[in-house]
């Protein structure tokens, strides 16, 4: 019996190829023909799974965020203290995104400029979904008397705003700098935020 890894579906293979081609060509130059060739399928097979190049690129970004949300959920549900969970989540939301696109030579805004309005709509949804996960930990901390705050969801949104400057939207991973430096900046912001939230 060979390894237990599940074989990739055609849809997953297309999204993996999208990641490679976005890095290589960028969105504008990437074509459905390129994707089909990269996956080793016919062009028609791509259209069995996606209606357009736009849908493929946005689905690729959705996939990154879904993987991030699973990681954030696992941290939020862990047995660690509220303070530890919140710190880990703040750092993870930055570092995970950085790692996911560090091979791109452009920022996501530049890379997907042709999809800007749809990407911004999605980004609002992404941030709100993340805020819900953060709010749960903040509410736990408030109940336990660890955090001093009024509205967990509003506080969660502010926490995300505080770390959004480190996300690879306006700047490429290269422009943001070294991964260790990004992680250190994330840690410093997380520590500063936690110091303000903790009851003294």
N, C-alpha and C. Protein backbone atom coordinates (compact mmCIF):
# COMPACT_ATOMS: atom_id res chain seq x y z
N UNK A 1 0.84 -1.19 0.00
CA UNK A 1 0.00 0.00 0.00
C UNK A 1 0.89 1.25 0.00
N UNK A 2 0.63 2.18 -0.90
CA UNK A 2 1.43 3.40 -1.00
C UNK A 2 0.99 4.37 0.09
N UNK A 3 1.65 5.54 0.13
CA UNK A 3 1.36 6.56 1.15
C UNK A 3 -0.12 6.83 1.31
N UNK A 4 -0.48 7.30 2.48
CA UNK A 4 -1.90 7.51 2.78
C UNK A 4 -2.42 8.84 2.27
N UNK A 5 -1.57 9.66 1.65
CA UNK A 5 -2.03 10.96 1.15
C UNK A 5 -3.09 10.77 0.07
N UNK A 6 -4.14 11.56 0.19
CA UNK A 6 -5.24 11.49 -0.77
C UNK A 6 -4.79 12.08 -2.10
N UNK A 7 -5.17 11.46 -3.23
CA UNK A 7 -4.83 12.07 -4.52
C UNK A 7 -5.59 13.38 -4.67
N UNK A 8 -4.96 14.34 -5.32
CA UNK A 8 -5.60 15.64 -5.53
C UNK A 8 -6.73 15.52 -6.53
N UNK A 9 -7.77 16.28 -6.29
CA UNK A 9 -8.85 16.37 -7.26
C UNK A 9 -8.37 17.28 -8.38
N UNK A 10 -9.06 17.24 -9.51
CA UNK A 10 -8.71 18.13 -10.62
C UNK A 10 -8.84 19.58 -10.19
N UNK A 11 -9.86 19.88 -9.42
CA UNK A 11 -10.07 21.25 -8.93
C UNK A 11 -8.88 21.71 -8.10
N UNK A 12 -8.41 20.86 -7.18
CA UNK A 12 -7.25 21.20 -6.35
C UNK A 12 -6.00 21.37 -7.20
N UNK A 13 -5.85 20.51 -8.19
CA UNK A 13 -4.67 20.60 -9.08
C UNK A 13 -4.69 21.92 -9.85
N UNK A 14 -5.88 22.35 -10.27
CA UNK A 14 -6.00 23.64 -10.99
C UNK A 14 -5.62 24.79 -10.06
N UNK A 15 -6.07 24.72 -8.82
CA UNK A 15 -5.76 25.80 -7.87
C UNK A 15 -4.27 25.81 -7.51
N UNK A 16 -3.67 24.64 -7.41
CA UNK A 16 -2.22 24.58 -7.17
C UNK A 16 -1.45 25.17 -8.36
N UNK A 17 -1.91 24.84 -9.56
CA UNK A 17 -1.28 25.38 -10.77
C UNK A 17 -1.46 26.90 -10.83
N UNK A 18 -2.61 27.38 -10.39
CA UNK A 18 -2.88 28.82 -10.35
C UNK A 18 -1.84 29.52 -9.48
N UNK A 19 -1.54 28.94 -8.34
CA UNK A 19 -0.54 29.52 -7.44
C UNK A 19 0.82 29.64 -8.16
N UNK A 20 1.22 28.58 -8.84
CA UNK A 20 2.51 28.60 -9.55
C UNK A 20 2.51 29.61 -10.68
N UNK A 21 1.40 29.67 -11.44
CA UNK A 21 1.35 30.58 -12.60
C UNK A 21 1.21 32.04 -12.19
N UNK A 22 0.51 32.30 -11.09
CA UNK A 22 0.43 33.68 -10.59
C UNK A 22 1.83 34.16 -10.21
N UNK A 23 2.60 33.26 -9.62
CA UNK A 23 3.97 33.60 -9.25
C UNK A 23 4.83 33.83 -10.49
N UNK A 24 4.64 32.99 -11.49
CA UNK A 24 5.48 33.02 -12.70
C UNK A 24 5.10 34.17 -13.64
N UNK A 25 3.80 34.31 -13.93
CA UNK A 25 3.33 35.27 -14.95
C UNK A 25 2.55 36.46 -14.41
N UNK A 26 1.90 36.29 -13.26
CA UNK A 26 0.94 37.28 -12.80
C UNK A 26 -0.43 36.96 -13.38
N UNK A 27 -1.45 37.60 -12.84
CA UNK A 27 -2.82 37.29 -13.26
C UNK A 27 -3.08 37.67 -14.71
N UNK A 28 -2.64 38.85 -15.10
CA UNK A 28 -2.96 39.37 -16.43
C UNK A 28 -2.46 38.46 -17.55
N UNK A 29 -1.24 37.93 -17.40
CA UNK A 29 -0.64 37.10 -18.45
C UNK A 29 -1.03 35.63 -18.35
N UNK A 30 -1.51 35.20 -17.21
CA UNK A 30 -1.92 33.81 -17.05
C UNK A 30 -3.17 33.53 -17.88
N UNK A 31 -3.18 32.42 -18.60
CA UNK A 31 -4.34 32.07 -19.41
C UNK A 31 -4.90 30.71 -18.99
N UNK A 32 -6.11 30.44 -19.42
CA UNK A 32 -6.72 29.13 -19.17
C UNK A 32 -5.90 28.04 -19.87
N UNK A 33 -5.38 28.35 -21.06
CA UNK A 33 -4.51 27.39 -21.75
C UNK A 33 -3.29 27.05 -20.91
N UNK A 34 -2.69 28.09 -20.29
CA UNK A 34 -1.52 27.85 -19.42
C UNK A 34 -1.90 26.92 -18.27
N UNK A 35 -3.04 27.18 -17.68
CA UNK A 35 -3.49 26.35 -16.55
C UNK A 35 -3.70 24.90 -16.97
N UNK A 36 -4.37 24.73 -18.09
CA UNK A 36 -4.64 23.37 -18.59
C UNK A 36 -3.32 22.63 -18.83
N UNK A 37 -2.38 23.32 -19.46
CA UNK A 37 -1.07 22.71 -19.73
C UNK A 37 -0.35 22.35 -18.44
N UNK A 38 -0.38 23.27 -17.51
CA UNK A 38 0.32 23.07 -16.23
C UNK A 38 -0.24 21.85 -15.47
N UNK A 39 -1.56 21.66 -15.56
CA UNK A 39 -2.20 20.54 -14.87
C UNK A 39 -2.12 19.25 -15.69
N UNK A 40 -2.00 19.42 -17.02
CA UNK A 40 -1.98 18.25 -17.89
C UNK A 40 -3.37 17.76 -18.25
N UNK A 41 -4.28 18.72 -18.42
CA UNK A 41 -5.66 18.40 -18.80
C UNK A 41 -6.06 19.27 -19.99
N UNK A 42 -7.19 18.98 -20.58
CA UNK A 42 -7.70 19.81 -21.66
C UNK A 42 -8.32 21.09 -21.13
N UNK A 43 -8.34 22.11 -21.97
CA UNK A 43 -8.92 23.40 -21.58
C UNK A 43 -10.37 23.25 -21.13
N UNK A 44 -11.12 22.38 -21.83
CA UNK A 44 -12.52 22.16 -21.47
C UNK A 44 -12.68 21.62 -20.07
N UNK A 45 -11.70 20.84 -19.62
CA UNK A 45 -11.76 20.28 -18.25
C UNK A 45 -11.65 21.37 -17.19
N UNK A 46 -10.90 22.42 -17.52
CA UNK A 46 -10.80 23.54 -16.58
C UNK A 46 -12.19 24.16 -16.40
N UNK A 47 -12.91 24.32 -17.52
CA UNK A 47 -14.24 24.95 -17.46
C UNK A 47 -15.30 24.05 -16.82
N UNK A 48 -15.00 22.78 -16.63
CA UNK A 48 -15.92 21.92 -15.89
C UNK A 48 -15.92 22.28 -14.40
N UNK A 49 -14.82 22.91 -13.95
CA UNK A 49 -14.67 23.23 -12.53
C UNK A 49 -14.80 24.71 -12.22
N UNK A 50 -14.49 25.56 -13.20
CA UNK A 50 -14.53 27.01 -13.00
C UNK A 50 -15.11 27.68 -14.24
N UNK A 51 -15.82 28.77 -14.03
CA UNK A 51 -16.44 29.45 -15.17
C UNK A 51 -15.50 30.45 -15.85
N UNK A 52 -14.46 30.90 -15.12
CA UNK A 52 -13.59 31.93 -15.69
C UNK A 52 -12.25 31.97 -14.96
N UNK A 53 -11.30 32.66 -15.57
CA UNK A 53 -10.00 32.88 -14.95
C UNK A 53 -10.17 33.66 -13.64
N UNK A 54 -11.10 34.61 -13.65
CA UNK A 54 -11.37 35.41 -12.45
C UNK A 54 -11.82 34.52 -11.30
N UNK A 55 -12.74 33.61 -11.58
CA UNK A 55 -13.23 32.71 -10.54
C UNK A 55 -12.10 31.83 -10.00
N UNK A 56 -11.20 31.40 -10.87
CA UNK A 56 -10.07 30.56 -10.45
C UNK A 56 -9.17 31.33 -9.50
N UNK A 57 -8.80 32.56 -9.87
CA UNK A 57 -7.90 33.36 -9.03
C UNK A 57 -8.53 33.66 -7.68
N UNK A 58 -9.81 34.02 -7.68
CA UNK A 58 -10.48 34.33 -6.42
C UNK A 58 -10.65 33.07 -5.56
N UNK A 59 -10.89 31.93 -6.20
CA UNK A 59 -11.00 30.67 -5.46
C UNK A 59 -9.67 30.30 -4.83
N UNK A 60 -8.58 30.62 -5.52
CA UNK A 60 -7.25 30.39 -4.98
C UNK A 60 -7.05 31.20 -3.69
N UNK A 61 -7.43 32.48 -3.73
CA UNK A 61 -7.31 33.32 -2.53
C UNK A 61 -8.24 32.82 -1.43
N UNK A 62 -9.47 32.42 -1.81
CA UNK A 62 -10.40 31.84 -0.83
C UNK A 62 -9.77 30.64 -0.12
N UNK A 63 -9.06 29.82 -0.89
CA UNK A 63 -8.43 28.62 -0.33
C UNK A 63 -7.38 28.97 0.72
N UNK A 64 -6.60 30.01 0.45
CA UNK A 64 -5.60 30.46 1.43
C UNK A 64 -6.29 30.86 2.72
N UNK A 65 -7.37 31.62 2.60
CA UNK A 65 -8.08 32.11 3.79
C UNK A 65 -8.76 30.96 4.53
N UNK A 66 -9.30 29.99 3.80
CA UNK A 66 -9.92 28.83 4.46
C UNK A 66 -8.89 28.07 5.30
N UNK A 67 -7.69 27.89 4.75
CA UNK A 67 -6.63 27.20 5.50
C UNK A 67 -6.23 28.02 6.73
N UNK A 68 -6.16 29.35 6.56
CA UNK A 68 -5.84 30.21 7.69
C UNK A 68 -6.91 30.10 8.77
N UNK A 69 -8.18 30.14 8.38
CA UNK A 69 -9.28 30.08 9.36
C UNK A 69 -9.24 28.77 10.15
N UNK A 70 -8.88 27.67 9.48
CA UNK A 70 -8.76 26.39 10.20
C UNK A 70 -7.67 26.48 11.26
N UNK A 71 -6.56 27.12 10.92
CA UNK A 71 -5.46 27.27 11.89
C UNK A 71 -5.90 28.17 13.05
N UNK A 72 -6.56 29.28 12.72
CA UNK A 72 -7.02 30.19 13.77
C UNK A 72 -8.05 29.51 14.67
N UNK A 73 -8.94 28.73 14.07
CA UNK A 73 -9.96 28.01 14.85
C UNK A 73 -9.29 27.02 15.80
N UNK A 74 -8.27 26.30 15.31
CA UNK A 74 -7.57 25.32 16.16
C UNK A 74 -6.91 26.01 17.34
N UNK A 75 -6.33 27.18 17.11
CA UNK A 75 -5.70 27.92 18.21
C UNK A 75 -6.78 28.40 19.18
N UNK A 76 -7.87 28.96 18.63
CA UNK A 76 -8.96 29.49 19.46
C UNK A 76 -9.57 28.40 20.34
N UNK A 77 -9.63 27.17 19.83
CA UNK A 77 -10.25 26.06 20.56
C UNK A 77 -9.26 25.31 21.46
N UNK A 78 -7.99 25.70 21.43
CA UNK A 78 -6.98 24.98 22.22
C UNK A 78 -7.19 25.26 23.72
N UNK A 79 -6.47 24.52 24.53
CA UNK A 79 -6.60 24.63 25.99
C UNK A 79 -5.71 25.73 26.58
N UNK A 80 -4.96 26.42 25.73
CA UNK A 80 -4.05 27.47 26.22
C UNK A 80 -4.86 28.61 26.85
N UNK A 81 -4.18 29.47 27.59
CA UNK A 81 -4.84 30.61 28.20
C UNK A 81 -5.36 31.55 27.11
N UNK A 82 -6.33 32.38 27.46
CA UNK A 82 -6.89 33.34 26.50
C UNK A 82 -5.80 34.25 25.96
N UNK A 83 -4.91 34.68 26.83
CA UNK A 83 -3.82 35.57 26.45
C UNK A 83 -2.91 34.89 25.42
N UNK A 84 -2.54 33.64 25.68
CA UNK A 84 -1.67 32.89 24.77
C UNK A 84 -2.35 32.65 23.43
N UNK A 85 -3.63 32.27 23.47
CA UNK A 85 -4.37 32.01 22.24
C UNK A 85 -4.46 33.26 21.38
N UNK A 86 -4.79 34.38 22.01
CA UNK A 86 -4.94 35.63 21.27
C UNK A 86 -3.62 36.05 20.64
N UNK A 87 -2.53 35.93 21.38
CA UNK A 87 -1.21 36.29 20.86
C UNK A 87 -0.86 35.41 19.66
N UNK A 88 -1.05 34.10 19.80
CA UNK A 88 -0.74 33.17 18.70
C UNK A 88 -1.58 33.46 17.47
N UNK A 89 -2.85 33.78 17.67
CA UNK A 89 -3.75 34.06 16.55
C UNK A 89 -3.33 35.32 15.80
N UNK A 90 -2.96 36.36 16.54
CA UNK A 90 -2.53 37.61 15.90
C UNK A 90 -1.29 37.39 15.04
N UNK A 91 -0.35 36.63 15.57
CA UNK A 91 0.89 36.35 14.82
C UNK A 91 0.59 35.45 13.63
N UNK A 92 -0.22 34.43 13.84
CA UNK A 92 -0.53 33.45 12.78
C UNK A 92 -1.20 34.12 11.58
N UNK A 93 -2.13 35.06 11.83
CA UNK A 93 -2.86 35.68 10.70
C UNK A 93 -1.92 36.46 9.78
N UNK A 94 -0.83 36.96 10.34
CA UNK A 94 0.15 37.69 9.53
C UNK A 94 1.12 36.72 8.86
N UNK A 95 1.75 35.86 9.66
CA UNK A 95 2.80 34.98 9.15
C UNK A 95 2.25 33.97 8.15
N UNK A 96 1.05 33.45 8.39
CA UNK A 96 0.45 32.49 7.45
C UNK A 96 0.25 33.12 6.08
N UNK A 97 -0.29 34.34 6.05
CA UNK A 97 -0.49 35.02 4.77
C UNK A 97 0.85 35.29 4.08
N UNK A 98 1.81 35.72 4.86
CA UNK A 98 3.14 35.99 4.31
C UNK A 98 3.70 34.72 3.67
N UNK A 99 3.63 33.60 4.39
CA UNK A 99 4.15 32.33 3.88
C UNK A 99 3.41 31.88 2.62
N UNK A 100 2.12 32.15 2.56
CA UNK A 100 1.29 31.70 1.44
C UNK A 100 1.62 32.41 0.13
N UNK A 101 2.14 33.64 0.21
CA UNK A 101 2.39 34.40 -1.01
C UNK A 101 3.83 34.90 -1.13
N UNK A 102 4.72 34.37 -0.28
CA UNK A 102 6.10 34.88 -0.27
C UNK A 102 6.83 34.64 -1.58
N UNK A 103 6.36 33.74 -2.41
CA UNK A 103 7.01 33.48 -3.70
C UNK A 103 6.50 34.41 -4.81
N UNK A 104 5.52 35.27 -4.50
CA UNK A 104 5.02 36.23 -5.49
C UNK A 104 5.93 37.46 -5.52
N UNK A 105 6.16 37.99 -6.70
CA UNK A 105 7.02 39.18 -6.81
C UNK A 105 6.23 40.47 -6.67
N UNK A 106 4.89 40.37 -6.70
CA UNK A 106 4.04 41.56 -6.57
C UNK A 106 3.16 41.42 -5.34
N UNK A 107 2.62 42.55 -4.87
CA UNK A 107 1.63 42.50 -3.79
C UNK A 107 0.35 41.91 -4.37
N UNK A 108 -0.53 41.45 -3.50
CA UNK A 108 -1.80 40.90 -3.98
C UNK A 108 -2.62 41.97 -4.69
N UNK A 109 -2.54 43.21 -4.21
CA UNK A 109 -3.28 44.30 -4.87
C UNK A 109 -2.80 44.49 -6.31
N UNK A 110 -1.48 44.43 -6.53
CA UNK A 110 -0.93 44.58 -7.88
C UNK A 110 -1.24 43.35 -8.72
N UNK A 111 -1.03 42.19 -8.13
CA UNK A 111 -1.21 40.93 -8.83
C UNK A 111 -2.64 40.77 -9.34
N UNK A 112 -3.60 41.18 -8.50
CA UNK A 112 -5.01 40.98 -8.84
C UNK A 112 -5.73 42.32 -9.06
N UNK A 113 -5.01 43.30 -9.61
CA UNK A 113 -5.58 44.64 -9.83
C UNK A 113 -6.86 44.58 -10.67
N UNK A 114 -6.92 43.66 -11.64
CA UNK A 114 -8.10 43.55 -12.51
C UNK A 114 -9.33 43.04 -11.75
N UNK A 115 -9.10 42.49 -10.57
CA UNK A 115 -10.21 41.93 -9.77
C UNK A 115 -10.45 42.76 -8.52
N UNK A 116 -9.92 43.97 -8.50
CA UNK A 116 -9.88 44.76 -7.28
C UNK A 116 -11.23 44.85 -6.55
N UNK A 117 -12.30 45.20 -7.23
CA UNK A 117 -13.58 45.39 -6.53
C UNK A 117 -14.08 44.07 -5.92
N UNK A 118 -13.93 42.99 -6.66
CA UNK A 118 -14.36 41.69 -6.12
C UNK A 118 -13.45 41.22 -4.98
N UNK A 119 -12.17 41.54 -5.12
CA UNK A 119 -11.23 41.15 -4.07
C UNK A 119 -11.50 41.94 -2.79
N UNK A 120 -11.82 43.23 -2.92
CA UNK A 120 -12.12 44.05 -1.75
C UNK A 120 -13.38 43.56 -1.04
N UNK A 121 -14.39 43.17 -1.81
CA UNK A 121 -15.61 42.60 -1.20
C UNK A 121 -15.29 41.34 -0.41
N UNK A 122 -14.48 40.49 -1.02
CA UNK A 122 -14.09 39.24 -0.35
C UNK A 122 -13.26 39.54 0.90
N UNK A 123 -12.35 40.49 0.77
CA UNK A 123 -11.49 40.83 1.89
C UNK A 123 -12.31 41.26 3.10
N UNK A 124 -13.37 42.03 2.87
CA UNK A 124 -14.27 42.43 3.97
C UNK A 124 -14.84 41.19 4.65
N UNK A 125 -15.27 40.25 3.83
CA UNK A 125 -15.84 39.00 4.37
C UNK A 125 -14.77 38.21 5.14
N UNK A 126 -13.56 38.12 4.57
CA UNK A 126 -12.47 37.40 5.24
C UNK A 126 -12.23 37.98 6.63
N UNK A 127 -12.10 39.32 6.68
CA UNK A 127 -11.78 39.97 7.94
C UNK A 127 -12.90 39.79 8.95
N UNK A 128 -14.14 39.82 8.49
CA UNK A 128 -15.27 39.64 9.41
C UNK A 128 -15.28 38.22 9.96
N UNK A 129 -14.99 37.24 9.12
CA UNK A 129 -14.94 35.85 9.58
C UNK A 129 -13.81 35.65 10.59
N UNK A 130 -12.66 36.28 10.33
CA UNK A 130 -11.56 36.22 11.29
C UNK A 130 -11.97 36.91 12.60
N UNK A 131 -12.62 38.06 12.49
CA UNK A 131 -13.04 38.81 13.68
C UNK A 131 -13.93 37.95 14.58
N UNK A 132 -14.80 37.15 13.97
CA UNK A 132 -15.69 36.27 14.76
C UNK A 132 -14.87 35.28 15.59
N UNK A 133 -13.80 34.74 15.00
CA UNK A 133 -12.95 33.80 15.72
C UNK A 133 -12.21 34.49 16.87
N UNK A 134 -11.70 35.69 16.60
CA UNK A 134 -11.01 36.44 17.64
C UNK A 134 -11.97 36.84 18.76
N UNK A 135 -13.19 37.21 18.37
CA UNK A 135 -14.19 37.67 19.36
C UNK A 135 -14.50 36.57 20.38
N UNK A 136 -14.49 35.33 19.93
CA UNK A 136 -14.77 34.21 20.84
C UNK A 136 -13.72 34.15 21.95
N UNK A 137 -12.45 34.30 21.59
CA UNK A 137 -11.37 34.26 22.58
C UNK A 137 -11.45 35.49 23.49
N UNK A 138 -11.74 36.64 22.90
CA UNK A 138 -11.88 37.87 23.69
C UNK A 138 -13.03 37.76 24.68
N UNK A 139 -14.15 37.18 24.24
CA UNK A 139 -15.30 37.00 25.13
C UNK A 139 -14.95 36.05 26.27
N UNK A 140 -14.20 34.98 25.96
CA UNK A 140 -13.74 34.06 27.02
C UNK A 140 -12.89 34.81 28.04
N UNK A 141 -11.97 35.62 27.53
CA UNK A 141 -11.09 36.39 28.41
C UNK A 141 -11.84 37.40 29.26
N UNK A 142 -12.85 37.99 28.68
CA UNK A 142 -13.68 38.96 29.42
C UNK A 142 -14.44 38.25 30.54
N UNK A 143 -15.03 37.08 30.20
CA UNK A 143 -15.78 36.30 31.19
C UNK A 143 -14.89 35.86 32.36
N UNK A 144 -13.66 35.52 32.03
CA UNK A 144 -12.72 35.06 33.06
C UNK A 144 -12.07 36.21 33.83
N UNK A 145 -12.38 37.44 33.42
CA UNK A 145 -11.81 38.60 34.10
C UNK A 145 -10.36 38.88 33.73
N UNK A 146 -9.91 38.32 32.59
CA UNK A 146 -8.53 38.52 32.15
C UNK A 146 -8.41 39.79 31.32
N UNK A 147 -9.39 39.99 30.41
CA UNK A 147 -9.36 41.14 29.51
C UNK A 147 -10.34 42.21 29.96
N UNK A 148 -9.93 43.45 29.78
CA UNK A 148 -10.79 44.59 30.06
C UNK A 148 -11.24 45.16 28.72
N UNK A 149 -12.50 44.89 28.35
CA UNK A 149 -13.04 45.39 27.09
C UNK A 149 -14.55 45.41 27.16
N UNK A 150 -15.17 46.17 26.27
CA UNK A 150 -16.63 46.27 26.27
C UNK A 150 -17.25 45.28 25.29
N UNK A 151 -16.93 45.42 24.02
CA UNK A 151 -17.55 44.62 22.97
C UNK A 151 -16.50 43.73 22.31
N UNK A 152 -16.57 42.40 22.54
CA UNK A 152 -15.56 41.50 21.97
C UNK A 152 -15.43 41.58 20.45
N UNK A 153 -16.55 41.70 19.73
CA UNK A 153 -16.47 41.73 18.27
C UNK A 153 -15.85 43.03 17.77
N UNK A 154 -16.24 44.14 18.37
CA UNK A 154 -15.66 45.43 17.97
C UNK A 154 -14.17 45.45 18.30
N UNK A 155 -13.81 44.91 19.44
CA UNK A 155 -12.39 44.84 19.82
C UNK A 155 -11.63 43.95 18.85
N UNK A 156 -12.24 42.84 18.44
CA UNK A 156 -11.61 41.92 17.48
C UNK A 156 -11.32 42.65 16.17
N UNK A 157 -12.27 43.44 15.70
CA UNK A 157 -12.08 44.19 14.45
C UNK A 157 -10.91 45.17 14.58
N UNK A 158 -10.79 45.80 15.74
CA UNK A 158 -9.68 46.73 15.97
C UNK A 158 -8.34 45.99 15.96
N UNK A 159 -8.32 44.80 16.57
CA UNK A 159 -7.09 43.99 16.59
C UNK A 159 -6.65 43.63 15.18
N UNK A 160 -7.61 43.31 14.33
CA UNK A 160 -7.27 42.98 12.94
C UNK A 160 -6.74 44.22 12.22
N UNK A 161 -7.39 45.35 12.44
CA UNK A 161 -6.91 46.60 11.83
C UNK A 161 -5.46 46.88 12.24
N UNK A 162 -5.13 46.57 13.49
CA UNK A 162 -3.79 46.85 14.00
C UNK A 162 -2.71 46.00 13.33
N UNK A 163 -3.08 44.83 12.85
CA UNK A 163 -2.08 43.97 12.21
C UNK A 163 -2.20 43.95 10.68
N UNK A 164 -3.21 44.60 10.13
CA UNK A 164 -3.40 44.59 8.67
C UNK A 164 -2.24 45.22 7.90
N UNK A 165 -1.53 46.15 8.52
CA UNK A 165 -0.42 46.80 7.81
C UNK A 165 0.71 45.81 7.49
N UNK A 166 0.73 44.67 8.16
CA UNK A 166 1.77 43.67 7.92
C UNK A 166 1.35 42.60 6.92
N UNK A 167 0.13 42.71 6.40
CA UNK A 167 -0.35 41.71 5.44
C UNK A 167 0.14 42.04 4.03
N UNK A 168 0.35 41.03 3.20
CA UNK A 168 0.92 41.27 1.85
C UNK A 168 -0.11 41.73 0.82
N UNK A 169 -0.90 42.75 1.15
CA UNK A 169 -1.88 43.27 0.20
C UNK A 169 -1.28 44.42 -0.60
N UNK A 170 -0.81 45.44 0.11
CA UNK A 170 -0.27 46.61 -0.58
C UNK A 170 1.20 46.46 -0.93
N UNK A 171 1.91 45.65 -0.15
CA UNK A 171 3.33 45.40 -0.40
C UNK A 171 3.54 43.93 -0.70
N UNK A 172 4.51 43.64 -1.55
CA UNK A 172 4.85 42.24 -1.82
C UNK A 172 5.56 41.67 -0.59
N UNK A 173 5.65 40.35 -0.54
CA UNK A 173 6.38 39.71 0.56
C UNK A 173 7.82 40.23 0.60
N UNK A 174 8.40 40.43 -0.58
CA UNK A 174 9.77 40.95 -0.67
C UNK A 174 9.85 42.36 -0.06
N UNK A 175 8.86 43.21 -0.39
CA UNK A 175 8.85 44.58 0.12
C UNK A 175 8.58 44.62 1.63
N UNK A 176 7.80 43.66 2.12
CA UNK A 176 7.52 43.61 3.55
C UNK A 176 8.77 43.24 4.34
N UNK A 177 9.67 42.53 3.70
CA UNK A 177 10.94 42.19 4.35
C UNK A 177 11.07 40.73 4.71
N UNK A 178 12.08 40.46 5.48
CA UNK A 178 12.42 39.11 5.91
C UNK A 178 11.32 38.51 6.78
N UNK A 179 11.09 37.21 6.63
CA UNK A 179 10.03 36.53 7.39
C UNK A 179 10.25 36.68 8.89
N UNK A 180 11.51 36.54 9.34
CA UNK A 180 11.79 36.67 10.78
C UNK A 180 11.44 38.07 11.28
N UNK A 181 11.70 39.06 10.44
CA UNK A 181 11.38 40.44 10.82
C UNK A 181 9.87 40.65 10.90
N UNK A 182 9.14 40.07 9.94
CA UNK A 182 7.66 40.15 9.96
C UNK A 182 7.12 39.49 11.22
N UNK A 183 7.68 38.34 11.54
CA UNK A 183 7.23 37.62 12.74
C UNK A 183 7.52 38.45 14.00
N UNK A 184 8.69 39.07 14.05
CA UNK A 184 9.04 39.91 15.21
C UNK A 184 8.09 41.10 15.33
N UNK A 185 7.81 41.75 14.20
CA UNK A 185 6.88 42.89 14.22
C UNK A 185 5.51 42.44 14.70
N UNK A 186 5.06 41.27 14.21
CA UNK A 186 3.76 40.73 14.63
C UNK A 186 3.75 40.47 16.13
N UNK A 187 4.85 39.92 16.64
CA UNK A 187 4.95 39.64 18.08
C UNK A 187 4.91 40.92 18.89
N UNK A 188 5.61 41.95 18.41
CA UNK A 188 5.63 43.23 19.14
C UNK A 188 4.24 43.86 19.17
N UNK A 189 3.54 43.82 18.02
CA UNK A 189 2.17 44.36 17.98
C UNK A 189 1.27 43.56 18.91
N UNK A 190 1.38 42.23 18.85
CA UNK A 190 0.54 41.37 19.70
C UNK A 190 0.79 41.68 21.17
N UNK A 191 2.06 41.83 21.56
CA UNK A 191 2.39 42.13 22.96
C UNK A 191 1.83 43.48 23.39
N UNK A 192 1.93 44.47 22.51
CA UNK A 192 1.41 45.80 22.80
C UNK A 192 -0.11 45.76 22.99
N UNK A 193 -0.78 45.04 22.10
CA UNK A 193 -2.24 44.92 22.17
C UNK A 193 -2.64 44.21 23.46
N UNK A 194 -1.97 43.10 23.76
CA UNK A 194 -2.32 42.34 24.96
C UNK A 194 -2.09 43.15 26.22
N UNK A 195 -1.04 43.95 26.24
CA UNK A 195 -0.76 44.79 27.39
C UNK A 195 -1.91 45.77 27.62
N UNK A 196 -2.51 46.26 26.55
CA UNK A 196 -3.64 47.18 26.67
C UNK A 196 -4.93 46.49 27.07
N UNK A 197 -5.07 45.20 26.73
CA UNK A 197 -6.30 44.48 27.03
C UNK A 197 -6.32 43.87 28.43
N UNK A 198 -5.15 43.50 28.93
CA UNK A 198 -5.09 42.79 30.21
C UNK A 198 -5.52 43.70 31.35
N UNK A 199 -6.26 43.12 32.28
CA UNK A 199 -6.64 43.87 33.48
C UNK A 199 -5.40 44.01 34.36
N UNK A 200 -5.11 45.22 34.78
CA UNK A 200 -3.90 45.44 35.61
C UNK A 200 -4.31 45.62 37.07
